[in-house]
Every structure is written in structure tokens, then in C-alpha cells.
């Protein structure tokens, strides 16, 4: 199973977006998008924000956010 970050990065690259473009699209700071793509959970704010960022980013990339959010919850537990 691919990590959250691998899944997000692959989807972003398939859409031909840079981190800066994804940031403008989602209105999420580039550092948080990079943290998600690098599976750097320590760099993310409180879990509620991390889940919201993940949900928004996944949806913007055309992914179903629910499995990714569940994976994040398991990793944060």
C-alpha cells in the first residue's frame, strides 16, 4: 500500500501541478502540502487541521479523501 504522501504526490504530478499551483488551488500553505507529501506528520498542525488539509488536498486532486483520512488517523493514533 502506498503511503499518503506517495498517493498525493503521484496524483499531483499526474495533474501536472506544482506545489505552488496546488497551494493556490487549495489555499493551503505550501509547507503543509509538502509535509503531507513527505509523510512528515510532525510538521503538520493539530490533528484536526491535518485531517482538514488532507481532505481538501485529496479532493482537489480528484482523490477520494476518506481512505486517506482513515490512514492518517491510524498513523496519528
PDB file of N, CA and C in Angstrom:
ATOM      1  N   UNK A   1       0.849  -1.187   0.000  1.00  0.00           N
ATOM      2  CA  UNK A   1       0.000   0.000   0.000  1.00  0.00           C
ATOM      3  C   UNK A   1       0.894   1.249   0.000  1.00  0.00           C
ATOM      4  N   UNK A   2       0.561   2.175  -0.855  1.00  0.00           N
ATOM      5  CA  UNK A   2       1.327   3.421  -0.944  1.00  0.00           C
ATOM      6  C   UNK A   2       1.046   4.283   0.283  1.00  0.00           C
ATOM      7  N   UNK A   3       2.047   5.073   0.640  1.00  0.00           N
ATOM      8  CA  UNK A   3       1.853   5.998   1.759  1.00  0.00           C
ATOM      9  C   UNK A   3       0.940   7.139   1.311  1.00  0.00           C
ATOM     10  N   UNK A   4       0.471   7.900   2.286  1.00  0.00           N
ATOM     11  CA  UNK A   4      -0.362   9.064   1.990  1.00  0.00           C
ATOM     12  C   UNK A   4       0.398  10.008   1.068  1.00  0.00           C
ATOM     13  N   UNK A   5       1.637  10.288   1.423  1.00  0.00           N
ATOM     14  CA  UNK A   5       2.441  11.221   0.642  1.00  0.00           C
ATOM     15  C   UNK A   5       2.674  10.750  -0.783  1.00  0.00           C
ATOM     16  N   UNK A   6       2.964   9.465  -0.944  1.00  0.00           N
ATOM     17  CA  UNK A   6       3.182   8.914  -2.292  1.00  0.00           C
ATOM     18  C   UNK A   6       1.920   9.044  -3.137  1.00  0.00           C
ATOM     19  N   UNK A   7       0.779   8.773  -2.528  1.00  0.00           N
ATOM     20  CA  UNK A   7      -0.501   8.871  -3.235  1.00  0.00           C
ATOM     21  C   UNK A   7      -0.766  10.306  -3.667  1.00  0.00           C
ATOM     22  N   UNK A   8      -0.557  11.256  -2.750  1.00  0.00           N
ATOM     23  CA  UNK A   8      -0.802  12.662  -3.067  1.00  0.00           C
ATOM     24  C   UNK A   8       0.156  13.168  -4.137  1.00  0.00           C
ATOM     25  N   UNK A   9       1.442  12.854  -3.994  1.00  0.00           N
ATOM     26  CA  UNK A   9       2.439  13.324  -4.952  1.00  0.00           C
ATOM     27  C   UNK A   9       2.140  12.773  -6.357  1.00  0.00           C
ATOM     28  N   UNK A  10       1.816  11.495  -6.428  1.00  0.00           N
ATOM     29  CA  UNK A  10       1.516  10.883  -7.728  1.00  0.00           C
ATOM     30  C   UNK A  10       0.309  11.550  -8.379  1.00  0.00           C
ATOM     31  N   UNK A  11      -0.725  11.819  -7.590  1.00  0.00           N
ATOM     32  CA  UNK A  11      -1.927  12.464  -8.133  1.00  0.00           C
ATOM     33  C   UNK A  11      -1.621  13.886  -8.594  1.00  0.00           C
ATOM     34  N   UNK A  12      -0.823  14.615  -7.807  1.00  0.00           N
ATOM     35  CA  UNK A  12      -0.473  15.989  -8.194  1.00  0.00           C
ATOM     36  C   UNK A  12       0.334  15.983  -9.486  1.00  0.00           C
ATOM     37  N   UNK A  13       1.299  15.081  -9.569  1.00  0.00           N
ATOM     38  CA  UNK A  13       2.139  15.021 -10.760  1.00  0.00           C
ATOM     39  C   UNK A  13       1.334  14.588 -11.986  1.00  0.00           C
ATOM     40  N   UNK A  14       0.373  13.679 -11.814  1.00  0.00           N
ATOM     41  CA  UNK A  14      -0.498  13.277 -12.939  1.00  0.00           C
ATOM     42  C   UNK A  14      -1.281  14.472 -13.470  1.00  0.00           C
ATOM     43  N   UNK A  15      -1.654  15.365 -12.575  1.00  0.00           N
ATOM     44  CA  UNK A  15      -2.399  16.565 -12.994  1.00  0.00           C
ATOM     45  C   UNK A  15      -1.482  17.658 -13.507  1.00  0.00           C
ATOM     46  N   UNK A  16      -0.173  17.455 -13.381  1.00  0.00           N
ATOM     47  CA  UNK A  16       0.789  18.428 -13.884  1.00  0.00           C
ATOM     48  C   UNK A  16       0.879  19.690 -13.042  1.00  0.00           C
ATOM     49  N   UNK A  17       0.607  19.573 -11.755  1.00  0.00           N
ATOM     50  CA  UNK A  17       0.631  20.734 -10.859  1.00  0.00           C
ATOM     51  C   UNK A  17       1.932  20.793 -10.068  1.00  0.00           C
ATOM     52  N   UNK A  18       2.388  22.002  -9.822  1.00  0.00           N
ATOM     53  CA  UNK A  18       3.491  22.209  -8.890  1.00  0.00           C
ATOM     54  C   UNK A  18       2.890  22.371  -7.490  1.00  0.00           C
ATOM     55  N   UNK A  19       3.743  22.342  -6.489  1.00  0.00           N
ATOM     56  CA  UNK A  19       3.271  22.579  -5.116  1.00  0.00           C
ATOM     57  C   UNK A  19       2.652  23.980  -5.027  1.00  0.00           C
ATOM     58  N   UNK A  20       3.281  24.961  -5.659  1.00  0.00           N
ATOM     59  CA  UNK A  20       2.760  26.336  -5.619  1.00  0.00           C
ATOM     60  C   UNK A  20       1.374  26.411  -6.246  1.00  0.00           C
ATOM     61  N   UNK A  21       1.170  25.721  -7.362  1.00  0.00           N
ATOM     62  CA  UNK A  21      -0.148  25.733  -8.009  1.00  0.00           C
ATOM     63  C   UNK A  21      -1.183  25.020  -7.144  1.00  0.00           C
ATOM     64  N   UNK A  22      -0.780  23.909  -6.542  1.00  0.00           N
ATOM     65  CA  UNK A  22      -1.694  23.189  -5.647  1.00  0.00           C
ATOM     66  C   UNK A  22      -2.040  24.043  -4.432  1.00  0.00           C
ATOM     67  N   UNK A  23      -1.075  24.814  -3.961  1.00  0.00           N
ATOM     68  CA  UNK A  23      -1.315  25.705  -2.830  1.00  0.00           C
ATOM     69  C   UNK A  23      -2.342  26.775  -3.183  1.00  0.00           C
ATOM     70  N   UNK A  24      -2.200  27.346  -4.369  1.00  0.00           N
ATOM     71  CA  UNK A  24      -3.184  28.353  -4.802  1.00  0.00           C
ATOM     72  C   UNK A  24      -4.567  27.726  -4.974  1.00  0.00           C
ATOM     73  N   UNK A  25      -4.607  26.515  -5.495  1.00  0.00           N
ATOM     74  CA  UNK A  25      -5.865  25.820  -5.723  1.00  0.00           C
ATOM     75  C   UNK A  25      -6.578  25.496  -4.408  1.00  0.00           C
ATOM     76  N   UNK A  26      -5.816  25.064  -3.420  1.00  0.00           N
ATOM     77  CA  UNK A  26      -6.405  24.626  -2.152  1.00  0.00           C
ATOM     78  C   UNK A  26      -6.415  25.697  -1.064  1.00  0.00           C
ATOM     79  N   UNK A  27      -5.615  26.727  -1.271  1.00  0.00           N
ATOM     80  CA  UNK A  27      -5.426  27.769  -0.249  1.00  0.00           C
ATOM     81  C   UNK A  27      -4.803  27.204   1.031  1.00  0.00           C
ATOM     82  N   UNK A  28      -3.969  26.188   0.846  1.00  0.00           N
ATOM     83  CA  UNK A  28      -3.214  25.587   1.944  1.00  0.00           C
ATOM     84  C   UNK A  28      -1.753  25.964   1.729  1.00  0.00           C
ATOM     85  N   UNK A  29      -1.074  26.402   2.778  1.00  0.00           N
ATOM     86  CA  UNK A  29       0.323  26.828   2.675  1.00  0.00           C
ATOM     87  C   UNK A  29       1.182  25.714   2.061  1.00  0.00           C
ATOM     88  N   UNK A  30       2.088  26.084   1.171  1.00  0.00           N
ATOM     89  CA  UNK A  30       2.950  25.077   0.532  1.00  0.00           C
ATOM     90  C   UNK A  30       3.682  24.183   1.533  1.00  0.00           C
ATOM     91  N   UNK A  31       4.090  24.735   2.662  1.00  0.00           N
ATOM     92  CA  UNK A  31       4.837  23.916   3.631  1.00  0.00           C
ATOM     93  C   UNK A  31       3.985  22.772   4.164  1.00  0.00           C
ATOM     94  N   UNK A  32       2.677  22.969   4.274  1.00  0.00           N
ATOM     95  CA  UNK A  32       1.811  21.897   4.758  1.00  0.00           C
ATOM     96  C   UNK A  32       1.566  20.856   3.664  1.00  0.00           C
ATOM     97  N   UNK A  33       1.451  21.304   2.415  1.00  0.00           N
ATOM     98  CA  UNK A  33       1.305  20.353   1.309  1.00  0.00           C
ATOM     99  C   UNK A  33       2.567  19.504   1.182  1.00  0.00           C
ATOM    100  N   UNK A  34       3.716  20.150   1.316  1.00  0.00           N
ATOM    101  CA  UNK A  34       4.984  19.415   1.260  1.00  0.00           C
ATOM    102  C   UNK A  34       5.081  18.422   2.419  1.00  0.00           C
ATOM    103  N   UNK A  35       4.643  18.835   3.607  1.00  0.00           N
ATOM    104  CA  UNK A  35       4.670  17.937   4.758  1.00  0.00           C
ATOM    105  C   UNK A  35       3.784  16.715   4.501  1.00  0.00           C
ATOM    106  N   UNK A  36       2.601  16.934   3.930  1.00  0.00           N
ATOM    107  CA  UNK A  36       1.726  15.806   3.600  1.00  0.00           C
ATOM    108  C   UNK A  36       2.395  14.877   2.591  1.00  0.00           C
ATOM    109  N   UNK A  37       2.966  15.441   1.546  1.00  0.00           N
ATOM    110  CA  UNK A  37       3.600  14.630   0.505  1.00  0.00           C
ATOM    111  C   UNK A  37       4.849  13.909   1.006  1.00  0.00           C
ATOM    112  N   UNK A  38       5.503  14.460   2.014  1.00  0.00           N
ATOM    113  CA  UNK A  38       6.710  13.843   2.571  1.00  0.00           C
ATOM    114  C   UNK A  38       6.407  12.951   3.778  1.00  0.00           C
ATOM    115  N   UNK A  39       5.120  12.775   4.065  1.00  0.00           N
ATOM    116  CA  UNK A  39       4.701  11.985   5.231  1.00  0.00           C
ATOM    117  C   UNK A  39       5.349  12.495   6.515  1.00  0.00           C
ATOM    118  N   UNK A  40       5.532  13.803   6.584  1.00  0.00           N
ATOM    119  CA  UNK A  40       6.145  14.447   7.756  1.00  0.00           C
ATOM    120  C   UNK A  40       5.031  14.937   8.677  1.00  0.00           C
ATOM    121  N   UNK A  41       4.458  14.032   9.421  1.00  0.00           N
ATOM    122  CA  UNK A  41       3.311  14.370  10.262  1.00  0.00           C
ATOM    123  C   UNK A  41       3.669  15.332  11.383  1.00  0.00           C
ATOM    124  N   UNK A  42       4.925  15.332  11.789  1.00  0.00           N
ATOM    125  CA  UNK A  42       5.373  16.241  12.848  1.00  0.00           C
ATOM    126  C   UNK A  42       5.305  17.710  12.407  1.00  0.00           C
ATOM    127  N   UNK A  43       5.390  17.964  11.107  1.00  0.00           N
ATOM    128  CA  UNK A  43       5.385  19.335  10.592  1.00  0.00           C
ATOM    129  C   UNK A  43       3.968  19.883  10.424  1.00  0.00           C
ATOM    130  N   UNK A  44       2.980  19.034  10.639  1.00  0.00           N
ATOM    131  CA  UNK A  44       1.591  19.466  10.484  1.00  0.00           C
ATOM    132  C   UNK A  44       1.059  19.998  11.810  1.00  0.00           C
ATOM    133  N   UNK A  45       0.088  20.901  11.743  1.00  0.00           N
ATOM    134  CA  UNK A  45      -0.503  21.428  12.977  1.00  0.00           C
ATOM    135  C   UNK A  45      -1.364  20.351  13.653  1.00  0.00           C
ATOM    136  N   UNK A  46      -2.191  20.733  14.550  1.00  0.00           N
ATOM    137  CA  UNK A  46      -3.049  19.808  15.307  1.00  0.00           C
ATOM    138  C   UNK A  46      -3.751  18.823  14.371  1.00  0.00           C
ATOM    139  N   UNK A  47      -4.018  17.616  14.854  1.00  0.00           N
ATOM    140  CA  UNK A  47      -4.631  16.589  14.007  1.00  0.00           C
ATOM    141  C   UNK A  47      -5.900  17.032  13.277  1.00  0.00           C
ATOM    142  N   UNK A  48      -6.717  17.839  13.898  1.00  0.00           N
ATOM    143  CA  UNK A  48      -7.941  18.283  13.225  1.00  0.00           C
ATOM    144  C   UNK A  48      -7.600  19.091  11.966  1.00  0.00           C
ATOM    145  N   UNK A  49      -6.575  19.917  12.031  1.00  0.00           N
ATOM    146  CA  UNK A  49      -6.156  20.683  10.858  1.00  0.00           C
ATOM    147  C   UNK A  49      -5.507  19.770   9.828  1.00  0.00           C
ATOM    148  N   UNK A  50      -4.700  18.831  10.283  1.00  0.00           N
ATOM    149  CA  UNK A  50      -4.041  17.891   9.369  1.00  0.00           C
ATOM    150  C   UNK A  50      -5.084  17.112   8.573  1.00  0.00           C
ATOM    151  N   UNK A  51      -6.137  16.641   9.244  1.00  0.00           N
ATOM    152  CA  UNK A  51      -7.203  15.915   8.545  1.00  0.00           C
ATOM    153  C   UNK A  51      -7.915  16.819   7.547  1.00  0.00           C
ATOM    154  N   UNK A  52      -8.167  18.066   7.938  1.00  0.00           N
ATOM    155  CA  UNK A  52      -8.817  19.010   7.026  1.00  0.00           C
ATOM    156  C   UNK A  52      -7.959  19.313   5.811  1.00  0.00           C
ATOM    157  N   UNK A  53      -6.659  19.530   6.034  1.00  0.00           N
ATOM    158  CA  UNK A  53      -5.745  19.775   4.918  1.00  0.00           C
ATOM    159  C   UNK A  53      -5.732  18.571   3.981  1.00  0.00           C
ATOM    160  N   UNK A  54      -5.638  17.380   4.550  1.00  0.00           N
ATOM    161  CA  UNK A  54      -5.589  16.170   3.743  1.00  0.00           C
ATOM    162  C   UNK A  54      -6.875  16.001   2.946  1.00  0.00           C
ATOM    163  N   UNK A  55      -7.996  16.207   3.589  1.00  0.00           N
ATOM    164  CA  UNK A  55      -9.293  16.076   2.915  1.00  0.00           C
ATOM    165  C   UNK A  55      -9.387  17.065   1.740  1.00  0.00           C
ATOM    166  N   UNK A  56      -9.018  18.308   1.967  1.00  0.00           N
ATOM    167  CA  UNK A  56      -9.094  19.333   0.916  1.00  0.00           C
ATOM    168  C   UNK A  56      -8.120  19.053  -0.221  1.00  0.00           C
ATOM    169  N   UNK A  57      -6.908  18.671   0.135  1.00  0.00           N
ATOM    170  CA  UNK A  57      -5.880  18.419  -0.876  1.00  0.00           C
ATOM    171  C   UNK A  57      -6.266  17.211  -1.737  1.00  0.00           C
ATOM    172  N   UNK A  58      -6.696  16.143  -1.097  1.00  0.00           N
ATOM    173  CA  UNK A  58      -7.091  14.942  -1.837  1.00  0.00           C
ATOM    174  C   UNK A  58      -8.252  15.256  -2.782  1.00  0.00           C
ATOM    175  N   UNK A  59      -9.255  15.957  -2.299  1.00  0.00           N
ATOM    176  CA  UNK A  59     -10.406  16.292  -3.140  1.00  0.00           C
ATOM    177  C   UNK A  59      -9.988  17.160  -4.322  1.00  0.00           C
ATOM    178  N   UNK A  60      -9.108  18.120  -4.090  1.00  0.00           N
ATOM    179  CA  UNK A  60      -8.641  19.000  -5.167  1.00  0.00           C
ATOM    180  C   UNK A  60      -7.878  18.213  -6.233  1.00  0.00           C
ATOM    181  N   UNK A  61      -7.258  17.102  -5.829  1.00  0.00           N
ATOM    182  CA  UNK A  61      -6.502  16.277  -6.771  1.00  0.00           C
ATOM    183  C   UNK A  61      -7.363  15.188  -7.402  1.00  0.00           C
ATOM    184  N   UNK A  62      -8.652  15.173  -7.067  1.00  0.00           N
ATOM    185  CA  UNK A  62      -9.557  14.196  -7.656  1.00  0.00           C
ATOM    186  C   UNK A  62      -9.516  12.837  -6.976  1.00  0.00           C
ATOM    187  N   UNK A  63      -9.008  12.789  -5.747  1.00  0.00           N
ATOM    188  CA  UNK A  63      -8.937  11.545  -4.984  1.00  0.00           C
ATOM    189  C   UNK A  63     -10.089  11.483  -3.991  1.00  0.00           C
ATOM    190  N   UNK A  64     -10.477  10.269  -3.622  1.00  0.00           N
ATOM    191  CA  UNK A  64     -11.449  10.078  -2.546  1.00  0.00           C
ATOM    192  C   UNK A  64     -10.701  10.309  -1.237  1.00  0.00           C
ATOM    193  N   UNK A  65     -11.053  11.342  -0.492  1.00  0.00           N
ATOM    194  CA  UNK A  65     -10.293  11.662   0.721  1.00  0.00           C
ATOM    195  C   UNK A  65     -10.514  10.687   1.874  1.00  0.00           C
ATOM    196  N   UNK A  66     -11.632   9.991   1.922  1.00  0.00           N
ATOM    197  CA  UNK A  66     -11.963   9.171   3.089  1.00  0.00           C
ATOM    198  C   UNK A  66     -10.923   8.099   3.413  1.00  0.00           C
ATOM    199  N   UNK A  67     -10.464   7.290   2.448  1.00  0.00           N
ATOM    200  CA  UNK A  67      -9.450   6.292   2.802  1.00  0.00           C
ATOM    201  C   UNK A  67      -8.137   6.918   3.279  1.00  0.00           C
ATOM    202  N   UNK A  68      -7.781   8.055   2.712  1.00  0.00           N
ATOM    203  CA  UNK A  68      -6.547   8.729   3.126  1.00  0.00           C
ATOM    204  C   UNK A  68      -6.676   9.286   4.536  1.00  0.00           C
ATOM    205  N   UNK A  69      -7.836   9.851   4.853  1.00  0.00           N
ATOM    206  CA  UNK A  69      -8.064  10.379   6.202  1.00  0.00           C
ATOM    207  C   UNK A  69      -8.036   9.237   7.218  1.00  0.00           C
ATOM    208  N   UNK A  70      -8.609   8.091   6.861  1.00  0.00           N
ATOM    209  CA  UNK A  70      -8.566   6.935   7.768  1.00  0.00           C
ATOM    210  C   UNK A  70      -7.127   6.458   7.967  1.00  0.00           C
ATOM    211  N   UNK A  71      -6.354   6.468   6.902  1.00  0.00           N
ATOM    212  CA  UNK A  71      -4.943   6.086   7.001  1.00  0.00           C
ATOM    213  C   UNK A  71      -4.196   7.064   7.908  1.00  0.00           C
ATOM    214  N   UNK A  72      -4.493   8.356   7.776  1.00  0.00           N
ATOM    215  CA  UNK A  72      -3.862   9.371   8.620  1.00  0.00           C
ATOM    216  C   UNK A  72      -4.242   9.151  10.080  1.00  0.00           C
ATOM    217  N   UNK A  73      -5.512   8.894  10.329  1.00  0.00           N
ATOM    218  CA  UNK A  73      -5.959   8.653  11.710  1.00  0.00           C
ATOM    219  C   UNK A  73      -5.207   7.486  12.325  1.00  0.00           C
ATOM    220  N   UNK A  74      -5.018   6.429  11.548  1.00  0.00           N
ATOM    221  CA  UNK A  74      -4.297   5.251  12.048  1.00  0.00           C
ATOM    222  C   UNK A  74      -2.847   5.602  12.350  1.00  0.00           C
ATOM    223  N   UNK A  75      -2.234   6.441  11.520  1.00  0.00           N
ATOM    224  CA  UNK A  75      -0.831   6.822  11.730  1.00  0.00           C
ATOM    225  C   UNK A  75      -0.666   7.766  12.916  1.00  0.00           C
ATOM    226  N   UNK A  76      -1.672   8.570  13.187  1.00  0.00           N
ATOM    227  CA  UNK A  76      -1.601   9.516  14.303  1.00  0.00           C
ATOM    228  C   UNK A  76      -1.960   8.858  15.638  1.00  0.00           C
ATOM    229  N   UNK A  77      -2.581   7.702  15.577  1.00  0.00           N
ATOM    230  CA  UNK A  77      -3.024   7.027  16.810  1.00  0.00           C
ATOM    231  C   UNK A  77      -1.871   6.446  17.588  1.00  0.00           C
TER     232      UNK A  77
END
